[in-house]
């Protein structure tokens, strides 16, 4: 597989880590994020829950860390999120190493029904984890700790100008997938590249497009995404 020119749409600063890994397997990267992360104010927990759940590294970065809860069971969707949770000081972290459904199953396998689960999330989570857990008999509550906003148009203009010459675009979320789908539609026949998506949810908005191709990684993590591009590169940091 020859060198490709790939747009990394992932949020900063993690887009730079992705670019580093792309370069490690012989590709060129354009690092212009489609989304910007904004913390959301939220109340500290007044009582101790039975467990915590996270589906993104941003939720760990922006939630209120309470030292009293460091020994609570913590459940994460993937290894990157688990690593950051451990780095934050949580001592009992388990990763589903998969998607939100895998995380739900992990919680079900380790926590009895009726347990109070706090799910720290984005303002528009890709999945309604708390709702699903409540339907299974848990006392789950979602707390919004951040939101992802579309980056200003002027910041992504260079990427739009380069789209006819791109070989591909990396898409790390369903929300980014929706934005990329609109940009590709606007680009029309000039877009002949490939969208490399972290999940089916990220890929779905692009399925109807007449131009280009859509590839989905076998597992919802960046290492599997880079496998689609011919190699894993340096070990992941986040």
Protein backbone atom coordinates (compact mmCIF):
# COMPACT_ATOMS: atom_id res chain seq x y z
CA UNK A 1 0.00 0.00 0.00
CA UNK A 2 1.48 3.34 -1.08
CA UNK A 3 1.57 6.57 0.88
CA UNK A 4 -1.83 8.23 1.27
CA UNK A 5 -2.93 11.76 2.12
CA UNK A 6 -5.41 11.45 5.02
CA UNK A 7 -7.53 14.06 6.78
CA UNK A 8 -7.61 13.43 10.54
CA UNK A 9 -10.89 14.94 11.79
CA UNK A 10 -10.39 13.86 15.42
CA UNK A 11 -10.56 16.51 18.16
CA UNK A 12 -7.40 18.25 19.36
CA UNK A 13 -4.94 17.47 20.82
CA UNK A 14 -5.49 13.79 20.09
CA UNK A 15 -5.53 14.43 16.34
CA UNK A 16 -1.78 15.04 16.58
CA UNK A 17 -1.27 11.59 18.11
CA UNK A 18 -3.26 10.04 15.29
CA UNK A 19 -1.17 11.95 12.74
CA UNK A 20 1.99 10.64 14.40
CA UNK A 21 0.74 7.08 14.05
CA UNK A 22 -0.26 7.63 10.42
CA UNK A 23 3.21 8.92 9.62
CA UNK A 24 4.62 5.85 11.36
CA UNK A 25 2.98 3.64 8.73
CA UNK A 26 4.01 5.82 5.81
CA UNK A 27 1.07 8.17 5.28
CA UNK A 28 0.69 11.96 5.24
CA UNK A 29 -1.81 13.60 7.60
CA UNK A 30 -3.84 16.80 7.56
CA UNK A 31 -4.79 17.61 11.17
CA UNK A 32 -7.87 19.83 11.15
CA UNK A 33 -10.49 18.83 13.76
CA UNK A 34 -14.16 18.97 12.82
CA UNK A 35 -15.32 19.24 16.42
CA UNK A 36 -14.27 21.32 19.40
CA UNK A 37 -14.78 20.10 22.96
CA UNK A 38 -16.39 22.47 25.47
CA UNK A 39 -16.72 21.54 29.17
CA UNK A 40 -20.20 21.74 30.68
CA UNK A 41 -20.70 22.80 34.32
CA UNK A 42 -22.21 20.08 36.49
CA UNK A 43 -22.87 19.44 40.15
CA UNK A 44 -20.58 17.29 42.25
CA UNK A 45 -22.11 14.04 43.50
CA UNK A 46 -23.56 14.43 46.99
CA UNK A 47 -23.73 10.69 47.69
CA UNK A 48 -21.60 7.77 46.64
CA UNK A 49 -22.96 5.69 43.73
CA UNK A 50 -22.19 2.02 43.21
CA UNK A 51 -20.18 2.48 40.01
CA UNK A 52 -19.15 4.96 37.31
CA UNK A 53 -19.28 4.55 33.53
CA UNK A 54 -17.47 6.41 30.75
CA UNK A 55 -17.70 6.13 26.97
CA UNK A 56 -15.10 8.76 26.04
CA UNK A 57 -11.81 10.21 27.15
CA UNK A 58 -13.40 13.67 27.15
CA UNK A 59 -15.86 12.61 29.84
CA UNK A 60 -12.99 11.54 32.08
CA UNK A 61 -11.11 14.76 31.43
CA UNK A 62 -14.07 17.00 32.25
CA UNK A 63 -15.98 15.23 35.03
CA UNK A 64 -15.57 16.29 38.66
CA UNK A 65 -13.06 13.89 40.16
CA UNK A 66 -13.91 13.08 43.78
CA UNK A 67 -11.11 11.39 45.71
CA UNK A 68 -13.70 9.57 47.84
CA UNK A 69 -14.72 7.54 44.81
CA UNK A 70 -11.31 6.30 43.62
CA UNK A 71 -12.08 2.75 44.76
CA UNK A 72 -15.47 2.53 43.05
CA UNK A 73 -15.86 0.12 40.13
CA UNK A 74 -15.29 2.09 36.92
CA UNK A 75 -16.45 0.73 33.56
CA UNK A 76 -15.16 2.13 30.27
CA UNK A 77 -15.97 1.44 26.65
CA UNK A 78 -12.36 0.93 25.53
CA UNK A 79 -8.73 0.65 26.55
CA UNK A 80 -7.87 4.30 25.82
CA UNK A 81 -10.61 5.43 28.16
CA UNK A 82 -9.57 2.85 30.75
CA UNK A 83 -5.97 4.07 30.68
CA UNK A 84 -7.02 7.66 31.25
CA UNK A 85 -9.31 6.59 34.11
CA UNK A 86 -6.41 4.79 35.79
CA UNK A 87 -4.16 7.79 35.22
CA UNK A 88 -6.81 9.95 36.93
CA UNK A 89 -6.49 7.76 40.02
CA UNK A 90 -9.30 5.23 39.73
CA UNK A 91 -8.10 1.86 41.01
CA UNK A 92 -10.82 -0.57 39.87
CA UNK A 93 -11.16 0.04 36.15
CA UNK A 94 -12.52 -2.47 33.66
CA UNK A 95 -12.68 -1.97 29.91
CA UNK A 96 -15.30 -3.47 27.59
CA UNK A 97 -12.76 -3.16 24.76
CA UNK A 98 -15.63 -2.66 22.35
CA UNK A 99 -18.71 -0.52 21.83
CA UNK A 100 -21.50 0.77 24.08
CA UNK A 101 -23.38 -2.53 23.90
CA UNK A 102 -20.26 -4.35 25.10
CA UNK A 103 -20.00 -1.82 27.94
CA UNK A 104 -23.60 -2.44 28.92
CA UNK A 105 -22.96 -6.19 29.01
CA UNK A 106 -19.81 -5.68 31.09
CA UNK A 107 -21.77 -3.69 33.67
CA UNK A 108 -24.54 -6.29 33.72
CA UNK A 109 -21.99 -9.06 34.31
CA UNK A 110 -20.34 -7.30 37.25
CA UNK A 111 -23.02 -5.23 38.96
CA UNK A 112 -26.28 -6.50 40.51
CA UNK A 113 -29.58 -5.06 39.36
CA UNK A 114 -30.63 -2.03 41.36
CA UNK A 115 -27.07 -0.67 41.48
CA UNK A 116 -26.73 3.08 41.11
CA UNK A 117 -24.59 3.78 38.03
CA UNK A 118 -23.41 7.27 37.15
CA UNK A 119 -22.76 7.68 33.43
CA UNK A 120 -20.63 10.74 32.59
CA UNK A 121 -21.30 11.71 29.00
CA UNK A 122 -21.46 14.24 26.19
CA UNK A 123 -24.47 16.50 25.74
CA UNK A 124 -25.43 14.40 22.70
CA UNK A 125 -24.19 10.88 23.45
CA UNK A 126 -24.09 8.45 20.57
CA UNK A 127 -25.99 5.94 22.72
CA UNK A 128 -28.44 6.24 25.61
CA UNK A 129 -26.49 4.06 28.03
CA UNK A 130 -28.33 5.23 31.15
CA UNK A 131 -31.71 4.55 29.55
CA UNK A 132 -30.65 1.07 28.47
CA UNK A 133 -29.32 0.26 31.94
CA UNK A 134 -32.53 1.49 33.57
CA UNK A 135 -34.50 -0.80 31.28
CA UNK A 136 -32.37 -3.66 32.61
CA UNK A 137 -33.26 -2.82 36.21
CA UNK A 138 -30.45 -0.48 37.23
CA UNK A 139 -30.68 2.97 38.79
CA UNK A 140 -28.56 4.72 36.16
CA UNK A 141 -28.19 8.46 35.77
CA UNK A 142 -26.53 10.41 32.98
CA UNK A 143 -24.52 13.51 33.86
CA UNK A 144 -23.45 15.75 30.98
CA UNK A 145 -19.89 17.01 31.43
CA UNK A 146 -18.98 18.25 27.94
CA UNK A 147 -20.36 19.00 24.51
CA UNK A 148 -18.80 18.69 21.07
CA UNK A 149 -19.35 21.71 18.86
CA UNK A 150 -18.73 21.99 15.14
CA UNK A 151 -15.47 23.83 14.52
CA UNK A 152 -15.83 27.30 12.97
CA UNK A 153 -16.08 27.23 9.18
CA UNK A 154 -12.93 29.29 8.69
CA UNK A 155 -10.83 26.71 10.55
CA UNK A 156 -11.84 23.85 8.25
CA UNK A 157 -11.58 25.82 4.98
CA UNK A 158 -8.07 24.45 4.21
CA UNK A 159 -9.40 20.90 4.50
CA UNK A 160 -12.33 21.65 2.20
CA UNK A 161 -9.95 23.08 -0.39
CA UNK A 162 -7.81 19.94 -0.23
CA UNK A 163 -10.63 17.39 -0.44
CA UNK A 164 -10.30 16.71 -4.20
CA UNK A 165 -6.70 15.58 -3.58
CA UNK A 166 -7.30 13.56 -0.42
CA UNK A 167 -7.06 9.80 -0.43
CA UNK A 168 -9.15 9.45 2.68
CA UNK A 169 -10.60 10.83 5.89
CA UNK A 170 -10.56 9.32 9.39
CA UNK A 171 -13.88 9.58 11.24
CA UNK A 172 -13.94 8.92 14.99
CA UNK A 173 -17.59 9.61 15.87
CA UNK A 174 -21.13 9.56 14.52
CA UNK A 175 -21.37 13.34 14.82
CA UNK A 176 -18.19 13.80 12.77
CA UNK A 177 -19.60 11.31 10.27
CA UNK A 178 -22.69 13.47 9.75
CA UNK A 179 -20.56 16.55 9.12
CA UNK A 180 -18.21 14.74 6.73
CA UNK A 181 -21.20 13.34 4.82
CA UNK A 182 -22.45 16.87 4.16
CA UNK A 183 -18.99 18.08 3.12
CA UNK A 184 -18.56 15.16 0.71
CA UNK A 185 -22.03 15.77 -0.73
CA UNK A 186 -21.07 19.41 -1.34
CA UNK A 187 -17.80 18.28 -2.94
CA UNK A 188 -19.65 16.04 -5.40
CA UNK A 189 -17.64 14.15 -8.00
CA UNK A 190 -14.44 15.83 -6.85
CA UNK A 191 -14.41 13.48 -3.86
CA UNK A 192 -13.08 10.05 -4.80
CA UNK A 193 -11.49 9.14 -1.48
CA UNK A 194 -12.27 6.66 1.27
CA UNK A 195 -13.90 7.33 4.62
CA UNK A 196 -12.26 5.21 7.34
CA UNK A 197 -14.77 4.96 10.18
CA UNK A 198 -14.37 3.81 13.76
CA UNK A 199 -17.86 2.29 13.93
CA UNK A 200 -21.02 1.59 11.97
CA UNK A 201 -22.61 4.60 13.67
CA UNK A 202 -19.84 6.81 12.29
CA UNK A 203 -20.22 5.25 8.84
CA UNK A 204 -24.02 5.32 8.54
CA UNK A 205 -24.33 8.98 7.45
CA UNK A 206 -22.01 8.28 4.50
CA UNK A 207 -23.70 5.15 3.17
CA UNK A 208 -26.00 7.01 0.78
CA UNK A 209 -23.27 9.05 -0.91
CA UNK A 210 -22.74 8.45 -4.61
CA UNK A 211 -18.99 9.05 -4.57
CA UNK A 212 -16.11 7.58 -2.63
CA UNK A 213 -15.92 4.49 -0.45
CA UNK A 214 -16.66 3.71 3.18
CA UNK A 215 -14.59 1.30 5.29
CA UNK A 216 -15.40 0.39 8.90
CA UNK A 217 -12.86 -0.94 11.38
CA UNK A 218 -13.39 -4.41 12.84
CA UNK A 219 -13.32 -2.99 16.37
CA UNK A 220 -14.28 0.53 17.52
CA UNK A 221 -10.77 1.75 18.26
CA UNK A 222 -8.08 3.62 16.41
CA UNK A 223 -5.70 0.69 16.16
CA UNK A 224 -8.29 -1.21 14.15
CA UNK A 225 -8.91 1.90 12.03
CA UNK A 226 -5.24 2.09 11.13
CA UNK A 227 -5.30 -1.58 10.19
CA UNK A 228 -7.55 -0.48 7.32
CA UNK A 229 -4.65 1.66 6.12
CA UNK A 230 -2.13 -1.11 6.12
CA UNK A 231 -0.55 -1.09 9.54
CA UNK A 232 -0.73 -0.24 13.21
CA UNK A 233 2.19 2.14 13.56
CA UNK A 234 3.57 3.13 16.96
CA UNK A 235 1.70 1.85 20.04
CA UNK A 236 -1.27 4.07 20.96
CA UNK A 237 -0.88 6.65 23.72
CA UNK A 238 -4.55 7.72 23.69
